Amino acid sequence: MESSRIYGQRKLDLLPPMMRTATGRLEIKRSDLEGILLQSRNLSLLMDVVRNIMTRTDLQTLLGQIMGDVTTVMEADRSTLFLLDREKNEIWSSIAQGEEVIRLPRGTGISGHVIDSGQIVNIADAYNDPRFFPDYDRKTGYRTRTILCVPIYNPQAELIGAIQVLNKKTAPVFSEADEKLLSAFSSLAGIAIANAFSFETMERLVAARTAELREERDKSDRLLLNILPLHVAQELKASGTVKPVFFDYATILFTDFKGFTKVAQRMAPEQLIGELDSVFLQFDTICERNGIEKLKTIGDAYMCAGGLPVSSKTHAIDVCLAALEIREFMAETRRIKQEITGEKFWEVRIGVHSGPVIAGVIGKNKFAYDVWGDAVNVASRLESSGQPGEINISSDTYKLVKDFFECEPRGSIAIKNRGEVEMYFLRCIRPELSRDPEGKIPAEAFYQKKASLA
């Protein structure tokens, strides 16, 4: 039959016979000419389809393109593409023209039969075929008359689905030529779908690997931020190094616990580390709340600073606020522990000094952000020259905070390697700037006055 020609085959013996008339002209039968024109049209349509679908890598977009093309090429009213889900033992279609997503048990309906058998099915009257599944017609009011359904194979010759077209518009039934055309279309669709599946699988693998790498990066970033200030960490990530920075003025705070060594000797290691960790975690929170930078802990000593790594005109005020909070926290913790257990808890000494420092990062495998300068040494000596439960500040810090806090002069006291240093005990927030009689909580006036310095 003429319809048995394979699309695109060019052997001369497949050409229709030519006849020579009495005048010597070559003629061809009209039916043969119509067949050639139809084949040419179909070949042209298939070439257009190749250009359309072979460039699609998104599966949903591809399936929509296939359905639109196959409906046009086959001169059908509607079309459906079912794919096989081997894991769920179902057939499904996310592109069913005129319908929503369809998911059916394997073997259901015409498409299910074709997917299981691998055979082409051409039905002239759907309702007289027991394999037809009429539920969707009853649901939507659509009337299926004729069906042509062909299997879809991937390049590995594995059956992956089926394409079916419904209700031929230009003829009562689908012809054998239509079967050949839809089979050719199905071959192209199988390649494109396999490519899209491979692309989606690769995209999922890439996305999963990207997510893993992003998680690893985020973990590294979090770890880095636990060690370094944000601006310093960003500089280190961007350039691989951190330039040391000189600060004309910063405020350094040291804390130490009186009686820590004696108490520690009576405690189990787990209890000691647990209690020290809970205290320092609270110190970290206080520092963060007041915009100052924790630098390090050394044994039971805690060190933080204001005015770095970003310069600030309120660094001394911020550090003194943090010092008041630390002192209040330690006093309340000591009181509660004594009431509950009858045991004494550590008393804190705090030293604060303001002056020039150099800040930078040291280390190669283990980074540490640190500060150096005479101001650091003086702050440490102020702490050791203080008294339990007190905040000992230098005259340099006092000059920066005296309009915000009440301070008690201590006079000049000698410290190691520095000589006489004028010192003050920081008592509380000034009454006119405090929300409470004890001078522990800043009032709005405090913040307004502070903001005027920025």
Protein backbone atom coordinates (compact mmCIF):
# COMPACT_ATOMS: atom_id res chain seq x y z
CA MET A 1 0.00 0.00 0.00
CA GLU A 2 1.08 3.64 -0.56
CA SER A 3 0.70 4.27 3.13
CA SER A 4 3.49 1.74 3.79
CA ARG A 5 6.17 4.21 2.66
CA ILE A 6 8.60 5.16 5.39
CA TYR A 7 8.84 8.89 5.90
CA GLY A 8 12.04 10.30 4.55
CA GLN A 9 13.11 7.18 2.61
CA ARG A 10 14.55 8.16 -0.80
CA LYS A 11 14.89 4.89 -2.73
CA LEU A 12 13.77 5.30 -6.34
CA ASP A 13 11.81 2.06 -6.30
CA LEU A 14 9.40 3.67 -3.82
CA LEU A 15 8.43 6.40 -6.26
CA PRO A 16 4.96 6.00 -7.78
CA PRO A 17 4.89 4.81 -11.41
CA MET A 18 5.02 7.45 -14.15
CA MET A 19 3.07 7.07 -17.41
CA ARG A 20 3.98 8.51 -20.85
CA THR A 21 1.12 9.80 -22.96
CA ALA A 22 0.82 9.51 -26.75
CA THR A 23 2.34 12.97 -27.06
CA GLY A 24 5.37 11.89 -25.00
CA ARG A 25 4.47 13.73 -21.78
CA LEU A 26 5.07 12.03 -18.41
CA GLU A 27 2.03 11.90 -16.17
CA ILE A 28 1.26 10.64 -12.68
CA LYS A 29 -1.99 9.45 -11.22
CA ARG A 30 -3.85 12.04 -9.23
CA SER A 31 -4.05 9.73 -6.22
CA ASP A 32 -0.30 9.15 -6.38
CA LEU A 33 0.34 12.87 -6.62
CA GLU A 34 -1.90 13.54 -3.63
CA GLY A 35 0.02 10.88 -1.70
CA ILE A 36 3.34 12.55 -2.54
CA LEU A 37 2.00 15.95 -1.50
CA LEU A 38 0.62 14.51 1.74
CA GLN A 39 3.93 12.85 2.52
CA SER A 40 5.78 16.08 1.74
CA ARG A 41 3.44 17.99 4.04
CA ASN A 42 3.88 15.46 6.80
CA LEU A 43 7.66 15.47 6.42
CA SER A 44 7.62 19.25 6.66
CA LEU A 45 5.47 19.08 9.79
CA LEU A 46 7.81 16.52 11.35
CA MET A 47 10.82 18.72 10.63
CA ASP A 48 9.05 21.61 12.34
CA VAL A 49 8.29 19.34 15.29
CA VAL A 50 11.95 18.33 15.52
CA ARG A 51 12.97 21.97 15.68
CA ASN A 52 10.33 22.67 18.33
CA ILE A 53 10.73 19.78 20.74
CA MET A 54 14.42 18.92 20.50
CA THR A 55 15.38 22.25 22.04
CA ARG A 56 13.12 21.81 25.08
CA THR A 57 14.79 20.65 28.29
CA ASP A 58 12.02 21.39 30.77
CA LEU A 59 9.78 18.31 30.89
CA GLN A 60 6.49 20.12 31.49
CA THR A 61 7.18 22.62 28.73
CA LEU A 62 8.21 19.80 26.42
CA LEU A 63 5.07 17.75 27.07
CA GLY A 64 2.91 20.78 26.38
CA GLN A 65 4.79 21.42 23.14
CA ILE A 66 4.42 17.78 22.06
CA MET A 67 0.68 17.80 22.68
CA GLY A 68 0.18 21.03 20.80
CA ASP A 69 2.23 19.77 17.85
CA VAL A 70 0.72 16.30 17.68
CA THR A 71 -2.82 17.65 17.73
CA THR A 72 -2.00 19.91 14.79
CA VAL A 73 -0.02 17.35 12.80
CA MET A 74 -2.61 14.62 13.24
CA GLU A 75 -5.56 16.94 12.56
CA ALA A 76 -7.12 15.67 15.77
CA ASP A 77 -9.54 17.29 18.16
CA ARG A 78 -7.57 16.43 21.28
CA SER A 79 -4.52 14.51 22.37
CA THR A 80 -3.08 12.99 25.53
CA LEU A 81 0.40 11.80 26.45
CA PHE A 82 0.67 9.23 29.21
CA LEU A 83 3.99 8.32 30.83
CA LEU A 84 4.75 5.19 32.84
CA ASP A 85 5.61 5.54 36.54
CA ARG A 86 7.26 2.21 37.26
CA GLU A 87 7.79 2.92 40.96
CA LYS A 88 4.09 3.58 41.61
CA ASN A 89 2.93 1.14 38.91
CA GLU A 90 0.78 3.89 37.42
CA ILE A 91 0.39 5.83 34.22
CA TRP A 92 0.09 9.58 34.45
CA SER A 93 -0.42 12.64 32.31
CA SER A 94 0.26 16.19 33.41
CA ILE A 95 -0.68 17.41 29.94
CA ALA A 96 -4.11 16.17 28.93
CA GLN A 97 -5.81 18.65 26.66
CA GLY A 98 -9.12 19.64 28.16
CA GLU A 99 -8.39 17.79 31.41
CA GLU A 100 -6.48 18.20 34.65
CA VAL A 101 -3.63 15.93 35.73
CA ILE A 102 -4.57 12.29 35.27
CA ARG A 103 -3.05 9.42 37.25
CA LEU A 104 -4.39 5.88 36.73
CA PRO A 105 -3.44 2.32 37.65
CA ARG A 106 -1.16 0.74 35.09
CA GLY A 107 -3.09 -0.99 32.29
CA THR A 108 -6.12 1.28 32.55
CA GLY A 109 -7.77 2.47 29.33
CA ILE A 110 -6.42 2.49 25.79
CA SER A 111 -3.15 4.15 26.74
CA GLY A 112 -2.63 1.67 29.57
CA HIS A 113 -3.15 -1.21 27.15
CA VAL A 114 -0.69 0.25 24.62
CA ILE A 115 1.94 0.89 27.32
CA ASP A 116 1.64 -2.72 28.51
CA SER A 117 1.48 -4.35 25.08
CA GLY A 118 3.63 -2.02 22.96
CA GLN A 119 1.06 -2.35 20.16
CA ILE A 120 -0.57 0.39 18.08
CA VAL A 121 -4.30 0.71 18.67
CA ASN A 122 -6.60 2.35 16.11
CA ILE A 123 -10.26 2.40 17.19
CA ALA A 124 -13.10 3.50 14.93
CA ASP A 125 -15.72 3.53 17.72
CA ALA A 126 -14.40 4.06 21.23
CA TYR A 127 -17.59 3.06 23.05
CA ASN A 128 -17.65 -0.32 21.35
CA ASP A 129 -14.15 -1.15 22.59
CA PRO A 130 -14.04 -2.72 26.08
CA ARG A 131 -10.57 -1.22 26.71
CA PHE A 132 -11.93 2.32 26.48
CA PHE A 133 -12.16 4.15 29.80
CA PRO A 134 -15.18 6.51 29.51
CA ASP A 135 -15.07 8.11 32.99
CA TYR A 136 -13.55 11.36 31.77
CA ASP A 137 -16.12 11.69 29.00
CA ARG A 138 -18.89 11.34 31.59
CA LYS A 139 -17.13 13.80 33.88
CA THR A 140 -16.57 16.50 31.25
CA GLY A 141 -19.33 15.92 28.73
CA TYR A 142 -16.81 15.34 25.96
CA ARG A 143 -17.62 12.63 23.39
CA THR A 144 -14.77 10.41 22.23
CA ARG A 145 -15.44 8.74 18.89
CA THR A 146 -12.16 7.65 17.30
CA ILE A 147 -8.83 6.94 19.00
CA LEU A 148 -5.33 6.35 17.66
CA CYS A 149 -2.74 5.43 20.26
CA VAL A 150 0.91 4.48 19.74
CA PRO A 151 3.66 3.51 22.21
CA ILE A 152 6.62 5.77 23.06
CA TYR A 153 10.09 4.27 23.36
CA ASN A 154 13.25 5.92 24.63
CA PRO A 155 16.57 5.56 22.73
CA GLN A 156 17.32 2.41 24.77
CA ALA A 157 14.16 0.80 23.32
CA GLU A 158 12.42 0.91 26.70
CA LEU A 159 8.69 1.58 26.63
CA ILE A 160 8.09 4.80 28.57
CA GLY A 161 4.58 5.91 27.59
CA ALA A 162 1.95 6.37 24.91
CA ILE A 163 0.51 9.16 22.75
CA GLN A 164 -3.13 9.07 21.82
CA VAL A 165 -5.11 11.40 19.57
CA LEU A 166 -8.88 11.69 19.65
CA ASN A 167 -11.49 12.38 16.97
CA LYS A 168 -9.95 12.94 13.53
CA LYS A 169 -11.27 16.25 12.22
CA THR A 170 -10.81 15.68 8.48
CA ALA A 171 -11.94 12.05 8.22
CA PRO A 172 -14.30 9.63 9.94
CA VAL A 173 -11.42 7.51 11.27
CA PHE A 174 -7.65 7.56 11.62
CA SER A 175 -5.98 5.87 8.64
CA GLU A 176 -2.97 3.60 8.33
CA ALA A 177 -1.05 6.61 7.08
CA ASP A 178 -1.98 8.36 10.33
CA GLU A 179 -0.55 5.39 12.23
CA LYS A 180 2.76 5.78 10.38
CA LEU A 181 2.81 9.51 10.96
CA LEU A 182 2.00 9.27 14.67
CA SER A 183 4.59 6.50 15.08
CA ALA A 184 7.23 8.73 13.47
CA PHE A 185 6.16 11.55 15.76
CA SER A 186 6.30 9.18 18.76
CA SER A 187 9.89 8.23 17.92
CA LEU A 188 10.92 11.87 17.99
CA ALA A 189 8.94 12.47 21.17
CA GLY A 190 10.62 9.50 22.87
CA ILE A 191 14.07 10.94 22.21
CA ALA A 192 13.04 14.41 23.41
CA ILE A 193 11.36 13.07 26.57
CA ALA A 194 14.38 10.92 27.40
CA ASN A 195 16.61 13.96 26.97
CA ALA A 196 14.32 16.04 29.21
CA PHE A 197 14.28 13.30 31.86
CA SER A 198 18.08 13.17 31.74
CA PHE A 199 18.27 16.95 32.00
CA GLU A 200 15.85 17.00 34.94
CA THR A 201 17.81 14.24 36.65
CA MET A 202 21.01 16.19 36.11
CA GLU A 203 19.33 19.35 37.36
CA ARG A 204 18.18 17.52 40.52
CA LEU A 205 21.69 16.16 41.07
CA VAL A 206 23.19 19.59 40.50
CA ALA A 207 20.59 21.20 42.76
CA ALA A 208 21.21 18.62 45.48
CA ARG A 209 24.97 19.05 45.21
CA THR A 210 24.57 22.83 45.16
CA ALA A 211 22.42 22.63 48.29
CA GLU A 212 25.07 20.46 49.96
CA LEU A 213 27.80 22.91 49.01
CA ARG A 214 25.66 25.83 50.16
CA GLU A 215 25.07 24.10 53.49
CA GLU A 216 28.79 23.43 53.86
CA ARG A 217 29.51 27.05 52.99
CA ASP A 218 26.91 28.26 55.47
CA LYS A 219 28.43 26.04 58.16
CA SER A 220 31.86 27.46 57.37
CA ASP A 221 30.44 30.98 57.44
CA ARG A 222 28.74 30.36 60.79
CA LEU A 223 31.93 28.89 62.19
CA LEU A 224 33.93 31.84 60.88
CA LEU A 225 31.46 34.29 62.42
CA ASN A 226 31.78 32.48 65.73
CA ILE A 227 35.48 33.31 65.61
CA LEU A 228 35.66 36.64 63.76
CA PRO A 229 33.53 39.79 63.60
CA LEU A 230 31.31 40.09 60.50
CA HIS A 231 33.34 42.79 58.74
CA VAL A 232 36.58 40.96 59.42
CA ALA A 233 35.17 37.62 58.22
CA GLN A 234 33.94 39.26 55.00
CA GLU A 235 37.37 40.76 54.35
CA LEU A 236 39.06 37.41 55.00
CA LYS A 237 36.69 35.60 52.61
CA ALA A 238 37.10 38.26 49.91
CA SER A 239 40.88 38.65 49.96
CA GLY A 240 42.22 35.76 52.03
CA THR A 241 43.89 38.16 54.45
CA VAL A 242 42.90 40.81 56.98
CA LYS A 243 44.87 44.04 57.22
CA PRO A 244 45.64 45.21 60.76
CA VAL A 245 43.74 48.38 61.67
CA PHE A 246 44.79 51.12 64.06
CA PHE A 247 41.99 52.64 66.18
CA ASP A 248 42.61 56.00 67.80
CA TYR A 249 40.12 55.18 70.52
CA ALA A 250 38.49 51.96 71.65
CA THR A 251 37.27 50.76 75.03
CA ILE A 252 38.49 47.45 76.46
CA LEU A 253 36.68 45.49 79.20
CA PHE A 254 38.14 42.66 81.26
CA THR A 255 36.32 40.49 83.81
CA ASP A 256 37.68 38.00 86.32
CA PHE A 257 36.09 35.94 89.08
CA LYS A 258 37.23 36.18 92.69
CA GLY A 259 37.54 32.79 94.33
CA PHE A 260 37.23 30.91 91.05
CA THR A 261 40.22 28.68 91.69
CA LYS A 262 39.02 27.57 95.14
CA VAL A 263 35.47 26.93 93.97
CA ALA A 264 36.69 25.14 90.85
CA GLN A 265 38.72 22.70 92.91
CA ARG A 266 35.55 21.44 94.59
CA MET A 267 33.55 21.03 91.38
CA ALA A 268 33.42 18.15 88.90
CA PRO A 269 34.88 19.10 85.50
CA GLU A 270 31.49 18.84 83.77
CA GLN A 271 29.85 21.08 86.34
CA LEU A 272 32.68 23.60 86.22
CA ILE A 273 32.67 23.91 82.44
CA GLY A 274 28.87 23.90 82.35
CA GLU A 275 28.55 26.80 84.81
CA LEU A 276 31.39 28.77 83.24
CA ASP A 277 29.86 28.27 79.80
CA SER A 278 26.41 29.44 80.94
CA VAL A 279 27.94 32.59 82.45
CA PHE A 280 30.01 33.42 79.38
CA LEU A 281 27.04 32.76 77.09
CA GLN A 282 25.13 35.41 79.03
CA PHE A 283 28.12 37.76 78.70
CA ASP A 284 28.05 37.14 74.93
CA THR A 285 24.37 38.10 74.82
CA ILE A 286 25.02 41.28 76.78
CA CYS A 287 27.87 42.24 74.42
CA GLU A 288 25.72 41.62 71.36
CA ARG A 289 22.85 43.62 72.81
CA ASN A 290 25.13 46.60 73.43
CA GLY A 291 26.95 46.45 70.10
CA ILE A 292 30.36 45.51 71.44
CA GLU A 293 32.71 42.76 70.30
CA LYS A 294 33.66 39.72 72.35
CA LEU A 295 37.33 39.03 71.82
CA LYS A 296 38.26 35.97 73.87
CA THR A 297 38.19 34.09 77.15
CA ILE A 298 41.31 33.00 79.03
CA GLY A 299 40.46 30.62 81.82
CA ASP A 300 37.88 32.49 83.89
CA ALA A 301 38.76 35.87 82.32
CA TYR A 302 36.52 37.44 79.68
CA MET A 303 37.60 40.18 77.28
CA CYS A 304 35.50 42.38 75.00
CA ALA A 305 35.83 45.77 73.33
CA GLY A 306 33.75 48.63 71.96
CA GLY A 307 34.61 50.78 68.96
CA LEU A 308 35.95 47.97 66.78
CA PRO A 309 36.05 46.46 64.22
CA VAL A 310 33.84 49.43 63.21
CA SER A 311 34.72 52.76 64.81
CA SER A 312 32.12 54.30 67.09
CA LYS A 313 31.88 57.56 69.04
CA THR A 314 29.84 55.86 71.77
CA HIS A 315 32.16 52.91 72.41
CA ALA A 316 32.90 53.85 76.04
CA ILE A 317 29.19 54.36 76.83
CA ASP A 318 28.30 51.03 75.22
CA VAL A 319 30.96 49.16 77.19
CA CYS A 320 29.92 50.76 80.48
CA LEU A 321 26.30 49.78 79.88
CA ALA A 322 27.46 46.21 79.25
CA ALA A 323 29.57 46.33 82.41
CA LEU A 324 26.52 47.31 84.49
CA GLU A 325 24.53 44.44 82.98
CA ILE A 326 27.33 41.94 83.63
CA ARG A 327 27.65 43.05 87.24
CA GLU A 328 23.87 42.84 87.78
CA PHE A 329 23.68 39.40 86.17
CA MET A 330 26.49 38.03 88.34
CA ALA A 331 25.02 39.51 91.53
CA GLU A 332 21.59 38.04 90.82
CA THR A 333 23.06 34.64 89.88
CA ARG A 334 25.11 34.61 93.10
CA ARG A 335 22.03 35.48 95.18
CA ILE A 336 19.86 32.77 93.60
CA LYS A 337 22.54 30.08 93.90
CA GLN A 338 23.08 30.84 97.57
CA GLU A 339 19.33 30.72 98.26
CA ILE A 340 18.84 27.40 96.47
CA THR A 341 22.03 25.49 97.28
CA GLY A 342 23.59 27.49 100.09
CA GLU A 343 26.80 27.58 98.09
CA LYS A 344 28.71 30.70 97.26
CA PHE A 345 29.13 31.69 93.65
CA TRP A 346 31.88 33.64 91.96
CA GLU A 347 32.10 37.38 92.41
CA VAL A 348 33.08 39.36 89.36
CA ARG A 349 35.70 42.10 89.07
CA ILE A 350 35.46 44.36 86.01
CA GLY A 351 38.10 46.68 84.59
CA VAL A 352 37.50 49.20 81.76
CA HIS A 353 39.95 51.47 79.95
CA SER A 354 39.81 53.54 76.74
CA GLY A 355 42.73 54.24 74.45
CA PRO A 356 44.42 53.48 71.10
CA VAL A 357 44.73 49.86 69.97
CA ILE A 358 45.70 47.83 66.91
CA ALA A 359 43.26 45.11 65.83
CA GLY A 360 43.88 42.24 63.44
CA VAL A 361 43.71 38.52 62.75
CA ILE A 362 46.47 36.11 63.69
CA GLY A 363 46.85 32.45 62.83
CA LYS A 364 46.76 30.38 59.65
CA ASN A 365 44.86 27.19 60.43
CA LYS A 366 43.14 28.62 63.51
CA PHE A 367 42.15 32.26 63.23
CA ALA A 368 41.82 34.65 66.14
CA TYR A 369 40.74 38.28 66.11
CA ASP A 370 42.70 40.15 68.75
CA VAL A 371 43.81 43.61 69.86
CA TRP A 372 47.18 44.90 70.99
CA GLY A 373 48.40 48.03 72.67
CA ASP A 374 48.93 49.71 76.01
CA ALA A 375 45.17 50.17 76.42
CA VAL A 376 44.75 46.39 76.63
CA ASN A 377 47.36 46.08 79.36
CA VAL A 378 45.88 48.98 81.35
CA ALA A 379 42.35 47.51 81.18
CA SER A 380 43.68 44.20 82.51
CA ARG A 381 45.46 45.98 85.37
CA LEU A 382 42.32 47.96 86.18
CA GLU A 383 40.44 44.69 86.57
CA SER A 384 43.04 43.22 88.93
CA SER A 385 43.20 46.55 90.84
CA GLY A 386 39.46 46.60 91.38
CA GLN A 387 37.23 44.99 93.96
CA PRO A 388 34.70 42.15 93.78
CA GLY A 389 31.31 43.37 92.55
CA GLU A 390 32.76 46.65 91.26
CA ILE A 391 33.46 48.20 87.86
CA ASN A 392 36.84 49.90 87.92
CA ILE A 393 37.33 52.46 85.12
CA SER A 394 40.23 54.70 84.19
CA SER A 395 40.14 58.49 83.98
CA ASP A 396 40.34 58.18 80.17
CA THR A 397 37.07 56.23 80.17
CA TYR A 398 35.57 58.45 82.87
CA LYS A 399 36.00 61.54 80.69
CA LEU A 400 33.99 59.85 77.94
CA VAL A 401 31.10 58.65 80.13
CA LYS A 402 30.83 61.10 83.05
CA ASP A 403 27.77 62.81 81.54
CA PHE A 404 25.92 59.47 81.43
CA PHE A 405 26.96 57.60 84.57
CA GLU A 406 27.62 58.37 88.21
CA CYS A 407 31.15 57.45 89.23
CA GLU A 408 33.03 57.43 92.53
CA PRO A 409 36.63 58.67 92.46
CA ARG A 410 39.24 56.28 93.86
CA GLY A 411 42.26 58.50 93.42
CA SER A 412 45.51 57.46 91.79
CA ILE A 413 46.57 53.86 92.21
CA ALA A 414 49.83 52.34 91.03
CA ILE A 415 49.64 49.53 88.47
CA LYS A 416 52.41 47.35 87.09
CA ASN A 417 54.48 48.81 84.23
CA ARG A 418 52.43 52.01 84.16
CA GLY A 419 52.79 53.83 87.46
CA GLU A 420 49.98 55.90 88.96
CA VAL A 421 46.59 55.70 87.21
CA GLU A 422 43.53 57.70 88.28
CA MET A 423 40.60 55.35 88.78
CA TYR A 424 36.84 55.51 89.37
CA PHE A 425 34.18 53.02 90.38
CA LEU A 426 31.30 53.09 87.91
CA ARG A 427 28.15 53.09 90.06
CA CYS A 428 25.03 53.57 87.97
CA ILE A 429 23.26 55.55 85.26
CA ARG A 430 22.61 59.17 86.16
CA PRO A 431 19.14 59.62 87.74
CA GLU A 432 17.90 62.02 85.05
CA LEU A 433 18.81 59.42 82.38
CA SER A 434 17.53 56.31 84.18
CA ARG A 435 14.14 54.60 84.19
CA ASP A 436 14.61 53.13 87.69
CA PRO A 437 15.84 54.51 91.03
CA GLU A 438 18.81 52.12 91.08
CA GLY A 439 20.14 53.50 87.80
CA LYS A 440 20.23 50.14 86.05
CA ILE A 441 17.95 50.75 83.06
CA PRO A 442 18.52 53.60 80.56
CA ALA A 443 15.60 55.94 79.92
CA GLU A 444 14.69 57.43 76.55
CA ALA A 445 16.63 60.55 77.51
CA PHE A 446 19.76 58.38 77.81
CA TYR A 447 19.45 57.14 74.25
CA GLN A 448 18.63 60.58 72.89
CA LYS A 449 21.70 62.01 74.55
CA LYS A 450 23.79 59.12 73.23
CA ALA A 451 22.43 59.57 69.72
CA SER A 452 23.54 63.21 69.74
CA LEU A 453 27.16 61.99 69.92
CA ALA A 454 26.97 59.80 66.84
